[in-house]
Amino acid sequence: MAHCYYHALSSVRKWGGTPDDYLALHQWFDQSKAIFADPRHRALRHHAEGIFMLETLFGATITNSDGKHVPVRLIGEQHVLEDLGFIPSFADWGRLIAPQAWMFKGRRLDQPSDDTPPVEVPSAPFPIAA
């Protein structure tokens, strides 16, 4: 789905109420678009742990404007299923991260850092469509 509003409309079809009852939950999943404006943003929240984080933040249920109690976890599952077709684990996303040399470099915090050159962040490994 392209926009959180359409996820909210889908929630209305499933559980009743109005889009405003669900919009904040769906927006939480897609806030990561501020970091990555392509499908990679989903790696941050579109997984099983993200669904449980949603429940931690919004509570076990919401009460929609029809007075119906709707489990937050079901709303999160709906969002991820609509976007991905299944619910991955974070490990499913993590396995796709190609380790880079800079990820393994570290230094003791008690060591001076004046001779350490700045880290160069590599560009995207593939072209990103506009």
N, C-alpha and C. Protein backbone atom coordinates (compact mmCIF):
# COMPACT_ATOMS: atom_id res chain seq x y z
N MET A 1 0.84 -1.18 0.00
CA MET A 1 0.00 0.00 0.00
C MET A 1 0.88 1.24 0.00
N ALA A 2 0.42 2.26 -0.63
CA ALA A 2 1.24 3.45 -0.81
C ALA A 2 1.16 4.43 0.36
N HIS A 3 0.08 4.47 1.07
CA HIS A 3 -0.10 5.49 2.10
C HIS A 3 -0.83 4.90 3.30
N CYS A 4 -0.49 5.41 4.47
CA CYS A 4 -1.10 4.91 5.71
C CYS A 4 -2.61 5.04 5.72
N TYR A 5 -3.14 6.04 5.05
CA TYR A 5 -4.59 6.23 5.01
C TYR A 5 -5.28 5.00 4.42
N TYR A 6 -4.65 4.39 3.41
CA TYR A 6 -5.26 3.22 2.78
C TYR A 6 -5.19 2.00 3.70
N HIS A 7 -4.14 1.92 4.51
CA HIS A 7 -4.11 0.88 5.54
C HIS A 7 -5.25 1.12 6.52
N ALA A 8 -5.46 2.38 6.89
CA ALA A 8 -6.53 2.71 7.85
C ALA A 8 -7.90 2.36 7.26
N LEU A 9 -8.10 2.62 5.98
CA LEU A 9 -9.38 2.24 5.34
C LEU A 9 -9.56 0.73 5.37
N SER A 10 -8.49 -0.01 5.17
CA SER A 10 -8.56 -1.46 5.25
C SER A 10 -8.94 -1.91 6.66
N SER A 11 -8.40 -1.23 7.66
CA SER A 11 -8.76 -1.53 9.06
C SER A 11 -10.24 -1.27 9.30
N VAL A 12 -10.77 -0.20 8.74
CA VAL A 12 -12.19 0.11 8.89
C VAL A 12 -13.03 -1.02 8.29
N ARG A 13 -12.64 -1.52 7.13
CA ARG A 13 -13.39 -2.61 6.51
C ARG A 13 -13.37 -3.87 7.38
N LYS A 14 -12.27 -4.08 8.11
CA LYS A 14 -12.16 -5.28 8.96
C LYS A 14 -12.87 -5.14 10.30
N TRP A 15 -12.70 -3.97 10.94
CA TRP A 15 -13.15 -3.84 12.33
C TRP A 15 -14.13 -2.70 12.57
N GLY A 16 -14.50 -1.95 11.54
CA GLY A 16 -15.43 -0.85 11.73
C GLY A 16 -14.73 0.42 12.21
N GLY A 17 -15.54 1.39 12.59
CA GLY A 17 -15.00 2.66 13.05
C GLY A 17 -14.68 3.59 11.88
N THR A 18 -13.73 4.49 12.09
CA THR A 18 -13.32 5.45 11.07
C THR A 18 -11.81 5.35 10.85
N PRO A 19 -11.31 5.86 9.74
CA PRO A 19 -9.86 5.82 9.51
C PRO A 19 -9.05 6.46 10.64
N ASP A 20 -9.58 7.51 11.23
CA ASP A 20 -8.85 8.18 12.32
C ASP A 20 -8.61 7.26 13.52
N ASP A 21 -9.42 6.23 13.68
CA ASP A 21 -9.23 5.28 14.78
C ASP A 21 -7.91 4.53 14.63
N TYR A 22 -7.44 4.35 13.41
CA TYR A 22 -6.30 3.48 13.11
C TYR A 22 -5.08 4.21 12.55
N LEU A 23 -5.26 5.43 12.11
CA LEU A 23 -4.22 6.13 11.36
C LEU A 23 -2.90 6.24 12.12
N ALA A 24 -2.94 6.57 13.39
CA ALA A 24 -1.70 6.73 14.17
C ALA A 24 -0.89 5.44 14.24
N LEU A 25 -1.58 4.31 14.33
CA LEU A 25 -0.87 3.02 14.39
C LEU A 25 -0.17 2.73 13.07
N HIS A 26 -0.86 2.96 11.97
CA HIS A 26 -0.26 2.73 10.66
C HIS A 26 0.85 3.74 10.37
N GLN A 27 0.69 4.96 10.83
CA GLN A 27 1.74 5.96 10.65
C GLN A 27 3.00 5.58 11.42
N TRP A 28 2.84 4.96 12.59
CA TRP A 28 4.01 4.54 13.35
C TRP A 28 4.87 3.59 12.54
N PHE A 29 4.25 2.65 11.84
CA PHE A 29 5.02 1.71 11.01
C PHE A 29 5.81 2.45 9.94
N ASP A 30 5.23 3.48 9.37
CA ASP A 30 5.86 4.13 8.22
C ASP A 30 6.65 5.39 8.56
N GLN A 31 6.83 5.70 9.85
CA GLN A 31 7.67 6.84 10.22
C GLN A 31 9.09 6.66 9.73
N SER A 32 9.50 5.43 9.54
CA SER A 32 10.86 5.17 9.08
C SER A 32 11.10 5.64 7.65
N LYS A 33 10.05 6.05 6.94
CA LYS A 33 10.23 6.65 5.62
C LYS A 33 11.02 7.95 5.71
N ALA A 34 11.07 8.54 6.89
CA ALA A 34 11.87 9.76 7.09
C ALA A 34 13.36 9.45 7.00
N ILE A 35 13.73 8.20 7.21
CA ILE A 35 15.13 7.78 7.16
C ILE A 35 15.48 7.24 5.78
N PHE A 36 14.61 6.37 5.26
CA PHE A 36 14.78 5.76 3.94
C PHE A 36 13.50 5.98 3.16
N ALA A 37 13.59 6.66 2.05
CA ALA A 37 12.39 6.92 1.24
C ALA A 37 12.22 5.85 0.16
N ASP A 38 12.49 4.62 0.51
CA ASP A 38 12.27 3.49 -0.38
C ASP A 38 11.90 2.29 0.50
N PRO A 39 11.62 1.13 -0.10
CA PRO A 39 11.13 0.00 0.70
C PRO A 39 12.06 -0.47 1.82
N ARG A 40 13.32 -0.08 1.80
CA ARG A 40 14.22 -0.49 2.89
C ARG A 40 13.80 0.07 4.24
N HIS A 41 12.98 1.12 4.24
CA HIS A 41 12.52 1.66 5.52
C HIS A 41 11.79 0.60 6.32
N ARG A 42 11.21 -0.36 5.64
CA ARG A 42 10.42 -1.38 6.32
C ARG A 42 11.24 -2.28 7.23
N ALA A 43 12.55 -2.35 7.00
CA ALA A 43 13.41 -3.19 7.84
C ALA A 43 13.38 -2.76 9.30
N LEU A 44 13.05 -1.50 9.57
CA LEU A 44 13.08 -1.00 10.95
C LEU A 44 11.88 -1.42 11.78
N ARG A 45 10.71 -1.60 11.16
CA ARG A 45 9.51 -1.89 11.96
C ARG A 45 8.60 -2.97 11.37
N HIS A 46 8.75 -3.29 10.11
CA HIS A 46 7.86 -4.25 9.45
C HIS A 46 8.35 -5.68 9.69
N HIS A 47 8.19 -6.14 10.91
CA HIS A 47 8.58 -7.50 11.30
C HIS A 47 7.86 -7.85 12.60
N ALA A 48 8.03 -9.09 13.04
CA ALA A 48 7.30 -9.57 14.22
C ALA A 48 7.59 -8.70 15.45
N GLU A 49 8.85 -8.36 15.68
CA GLU A 49 9.16 -7.53 16.84
C GLU A 49 8.52 -6.15 16.72
N GLY A 50 8.48 -5.60 15.50
CA GLY A 50 7.83 -4.31 15.29
C GLY A 50 6.36 -4.35 15.68
N ILE A 51 5.70 -5.46 15.38
CA ILE A 51 4.29 -5.60 15.74
C ILE A 51 4.14 -5.61 17.27
N PHE A 52 5.05 -6.28 17.97
CA PHE A 52 4.99 -6.29 19.43
C PHE A 52 5.36 -4.92 20.01
N MET A 53 6.26 -4.19 19.35
CA MET A 53 6.58 -2.83 19.80
C MET A 53 5.35 -1.92 19.66
N LEU A 54 4.60 -2.10 18.57
CA LEU A 54 3.36 -1.33 18.38
C LEU A 54 2.42 -1.55 19.56
N GLU A 55 2.29 -2.80 19.96
CA GLU A 55 1.41 -3.13 21.08
C GLU A 55 1.93 -2.52 22.38
N THR A 56 3.23 -2.50 22.57
CA THR A 56 3.81 -1.89 23.77
C THR A 56 3.51 -0.39 23.81
N LEU A 57 3.59 0.26 22.66
CA LEU A 57 3.38 1.71 22.60
C LEU A 57 1.91 2.11 22.68
N PHE A 58 1.03 1.34 22.04
CA PHE A 58 -0.38 1.74 21.93
C PHE A 58 -1.31 0.96 22.85
N GLY A 59 -0.79 -0.07 23.52
CA GLY A 59 -1.63 -0.88 24.39
C GLY A 59 -2.12 -2.12 23.67
N ALA A 60 -2.70 -3.03 24.43
CA ALA A 60 -3.14 -4.31 23.87
C ALA A 60 -4.31 -4.15 22.91
N THR A 61 -5.17 -3.18 23.18
CA THR A 61 -6.33 -2.94 22.31
C THR A 61 -6.56 -1.44 22.16
N ILE A 62 -7.28 -1.09 21.11
CA ILE A 62 -7.83 0.26 20.99
C ILE A 62 -9.34 0.11 20.96
N THR A 63 -10.03 1.15 21.28
CA THR A 63 -11.48 1.17 21.15
C THR A 63 -11.80 2.10 20.00
N ASN A 64 -12.39 1.55 18.94
CA ASN A 64 -12.69 2.38 17.78
C ASN A 64 -13.94 3.21 18.03
N SER A 65 -14.27 4.07 17.08
CA SER A 65 -15.40 4.99 17.28
C SER A 65 -16.76 4.28 17.29
N ASP A 66 -16.79 3.01 16.90
CA ASP A 66 -18.01 2.20 17.04
C ASP A 66 -18.10 1.55 18.41
N GLY A 67 -17.08 1.79 19.27
CA GLY A 67 -17.05 1.19 20.60
C GLY A 67 -16.50 -0.22 20.63
N LYS A 68 -15.97 -0.69 19.52
CA LYS A 68 -15.43 -2.04 19.44
C LYS A 68 -13.97 -2.05 19.87
N HIS A 69 -13.60 -3.02 20.70
CA HIS A 69 -12.21 -3.20 21.12
C HIS A 69 -11.50 -4.03 20.05
N VAL A 70 -10.39 -3.48 19.54
CA VAL A 70 -9.64 -4.14 18.47
C VAL A 70 -8.22 -4.40 18.97
N PRO A 71 -7.75 -5.65 18.92
CA PRO A 71 -6.38 -5.93 19.33
C PRO A 71 -5.36 -5.21 18.45
N VAL A 72 -4.46 -4.48 19.08
CA VAL A 72 -3.45 -3.72 18.37
C VAL A 72 -2.54 -4.65 17.57
N ARG A 73 -2.25 -5.81 18.11
CA ARG A 73 -1.39 -6.74 17.39
C ARG A 73 -2.01 -7.14 16.05
N LEU A 74 -3.32 -7.30 16.01
CA LEU A 74 -3.98 -7.64 14.74
C LEU A 74 -3.85 -6.51 13.73
N ILE A 75 -3.93 -5.28 14.20
CA ILE A 75 -3.78 -4.12 13.31
C ILE A 75 -2.35 -4.10 12.74
N GLY A 76 -1.37 -4.36 13.60
CA GLY A 76 0.01 -4.41 13.14
C GLY A 76 0.24 -5.54 12.14
N GLU A 77 -0.33 -6.70 12.41
CA GLU A 77 -0.19 -7.82 11.48
C GLU A 77 -0.82 -7.47 10.13
N GLN A 78 -1.98 -6.81 10.17
CA GLN A 78 -2.64 -6.39 8.93
C GLN A 78 -1.71 -5.49 8.12
N HIS A 79 -1.09 -4.51 8.77
CA HIS A 79 -0.21 -3.56 8.07
C HIS A 79 0.95 -4.29 7.39
N VAL A 80 1.64 -5.13 8.14
CA VAL A 80 2.81 -5.83 7.60
C VAL A 80 2.39 -6.80 6.49
N LEU A 81 1.31 -7.51 6.68
CA LEU A 81 0.84 -8.44 5.65
C LEU A 81 0.46 -7.71 4.37
N GLU A 82 -0.18 -6.55 4.51
CA GLU A 82 -0.55 -5.79 3.30
C GLU A 82 0.68 -5.28 2.56
N ASP A 83 1.73 -4.94 3.29
CA ASP A 83 2.93 -4.42 2.64
C ASP A 83 3.86 -5.51 2.11
N LEU A 84 3.96 -6.63 2.83
CA LEU A 84 4.97 -7.63 2.48
C LEU A 84 4.40 -8.98 2.06
N GLY A 85 3.16 -9.26 2.43
CA GLY A 85 2.58 -10.56 2.09
C GLY A 85 2.83 -11.64 3.13
N PHE A 86 3.72 -11.39 4.07
CA PHE A 86 3.99 -12.30 5.19
C PHE A 86 4.62 -11.47 6.30
N ILE A 87 4.79 -12.08 7.48
CA ILE A 87 5.38 -11.37 8.60
C ILE A 87 6.78 -11.93 8.83
N PRO A 88 7.81 -11.18 8.44
CA PRO A 88 9.18 -11.65 8.65
C PRO A 88 9.61 -11.40 10.10
N SER A 89 10.70 -12.03 10.47
CA SER A 89 11.35 -11.69 11.74
C SER A 89 12.38 -10.61 11.45
N PHE A 90 12.92 -9.98 12.49
CA PHE A 90 14.00 -9.02 12.22
C PHE A 90 15.20 -9.75 11.63
N ALA A 91 15.41 -11.01 12.05
CA ALA A 91 16.53 -11.79 11.51
C ALA A 91 16.42 -11.96 10.00
N ASP A 92 15.20 -12.07 9.49
CA ASP A 92 15.02 -12.16 8.04
C ASP A 92 15.56 -10.91 7.35
N TRP A 93 15.32 -9.75 7.92
CA TRP A 93 15.86 -8.50 7.38
C TRP A 93 17.37 -8.44 7.59
N GLY A 94 17.80 -8.77 8.79
CA GLY A 94 19.22 -8.65 9.14
C GLY A 94 20.14 -9.51 8.28
N ARG A 95 19.65 -10.68 7.87
CA ARG A 95 20.46 -11.54 7.01
C ARG A 95 20.77 -10.88 5.67
N LEU A 96 20.00 -9.89 5.28
CA LEU A 96 20.19 -9.22 3.99
C LEU A 96 21.18 -8.06 4.07
N ILE A 97 21.63 -7.73 5.27
CA ILE A 97 22.62 -6.66 5.42
C ILE A 97 23.99 -7.23 5.13
N ALA A 98 24.65 -6.68 4.13
CA ALA A 98 26.00 -7.14 3.78
C ALA A 98 27.00 -6.47 4.72
N PRO A 99 27.70 -7.24 5.56
CA PRO A 99 28.67 -6.65 6.47
C PRO A 99 29.74 -5.85 5.71
N GLN A 100 30.07 -4.70 6.26
CA GLN A 100 31.09 -3.83 5.70
C GLN A 100 32.22 -3.70 6.72
N ALA A 101 33.40 -3.38 6.25
CA ALA A 101 34.56 -3.28 7.15
C ALA A 101 34.32 -2.28 8.28
N TRP A 102 33.68 -1.16 7.99
CA TRP A 102 33.48 -0.14 9.02
C TRP A 102 32.58 -0.64 10.15
N MET A 103 31.80 -1.67 9.91
CA MET A 103 30.91 -2.21 10.94
C MET A 103 31.69 -2.96 12.01
N PHE A 104 32.89 -3.40 11.70
CA PHE A 104 33.69 -4.19 12.63
C PHE A 104 34.75 -3.37 13.34
N LYS A 105 34.92 -2.12 12.94
CA LYS A 105 35.95 -1.30 13.55
C LYS A 105 35.41 -0.67 14.82
N GLY A 106 36.22 -0.70 15.80
CA GLY A 106 35.86 -0.09 17.06
C GLY A 106 37.12 0.29 17.78
N ARG A 107 36.99 0.99 18.84
CA ARG A 107 38.16 1.31 19.65
C ARG A 107 37.70 1.46 21.08
N ARG A 108 38.65 1.29 21.94
CA ARG A 108 38.34 1.45 23.35
C ARG A 108 38.03 2.91 23.62
N LEU A 109 37.09 3.14 24.47
CA LEU A 109 36.68 4.51 24.76
C LEU A 109 37.75 5.30 25.50
N ASP A 110 38.68 4.60 26.16
CA ASP A 110 39.72 5.32 26.90
C ASP A 110 40.94 5.62 26.03
N GLN A 111 40.88 5.30 24.73
CA GLN A 111 41.98 5.59 23.82
C GLN A 111 41.74 6.94 23.14
N PRO A 112 42.80 7.73 22.94
CA PRO A 112 42.62 9.00 22.23
C PRO A 112 42.20 8.75 20.79
N SER A 113 41.44 9.67 20.25
CA SER A 113 40.91 9.47 18.90
C SER A 113 41.40 10.53 17.92
N ASP A 114 42.42 11.31 18.29
CA ASP A 114 42.84 12.41 17.42
C ASP A 114 43.48 11.94 16.12
N ASP A 115 43.95 10.70 16.04
CA ASP A 115 44.58 10.21 14.82
C ASP A 115 43.64 9.34 13.98
N THR A 116 42.38 9.27 14.36
CA THR A 116 41.43 8.42 13.65
C THR A 116 40.78 9.22 12.53
N PRO A 117 40.92 8.76 11.30
CA PRO A 117 40.28 9.47 10.19
C PRO A 117 38.77 9.30 10.25
N PRO A 118 38.04 10.24 9.68
CA PRO A 118 36.57 10.10 9.67
C PRO A 118 36.16 8.89 8.84
N VAL A 119 35.06 8.30 9.21
CA VAL A 119 34.52 7.14 8.51
C VAL A 119 33.81 7.63 7.25
N GLU A 120 34.11 7.01 6.13
CA GLU A 120 33.41 7.32 4.89
C GLU A 120 32.26 6.35 4.76
N VAL A 121 31.07 6.90 4.57
CA VAL A 121 29.88 6.07 4.42
C VAL A 121 29.72 5.75 2.95
N PRO A 122 29.65 4.47 2.61
CA PRO A 122 29.53 4.10 1.19
C PRO A 122 28.19 4.52 0.63
N SER A 123 28.13 4.73 -0.68
CA SER A 123 26.87 5.05 -1.33
C SER A 123 26.04 3.78 -1.44
N ALA A 124 24.79 3.95 -1.86
CA ALA A 124 23.88 2.80 -1.99
C ALA A 124 24.47 1.78 -2.96
N PRO A 125 24.38 0.50 -2.63
CA PRO A 125 24.97 -0.54 -3.47
C PRO A 125 24.22 -0.78 -4.78
N PHE A 126 23.05 -0.12 -4.90
CA PHE A 126 22.27 -0.29 -6.12
C PHE A 126 21.55 1.01 -6.40
N PRO A 127 21.18 1.27 -7.65
CA PRO A 127 20.48 2.53 -7.95
C PRO A 127 19.11 2.56 -7.29
N ILE A 128 18.75 3.73 -6.84
CA ILE A 128 17.46 3.92 -6.20
C ILE A 128 16.57 4.67 -7.18
N ALA A 129 15.41 4.10 -7.45
CA ALA A 129 14.49 4.72 -8.40
C ALA A 129 13.95 6.02 -7.84
N ALA A 130 13.77 6.98 -8.69
CA ALA A 130 13.25 8.29 -8.26
C ALA A 130 11.76 8.25 -8.10
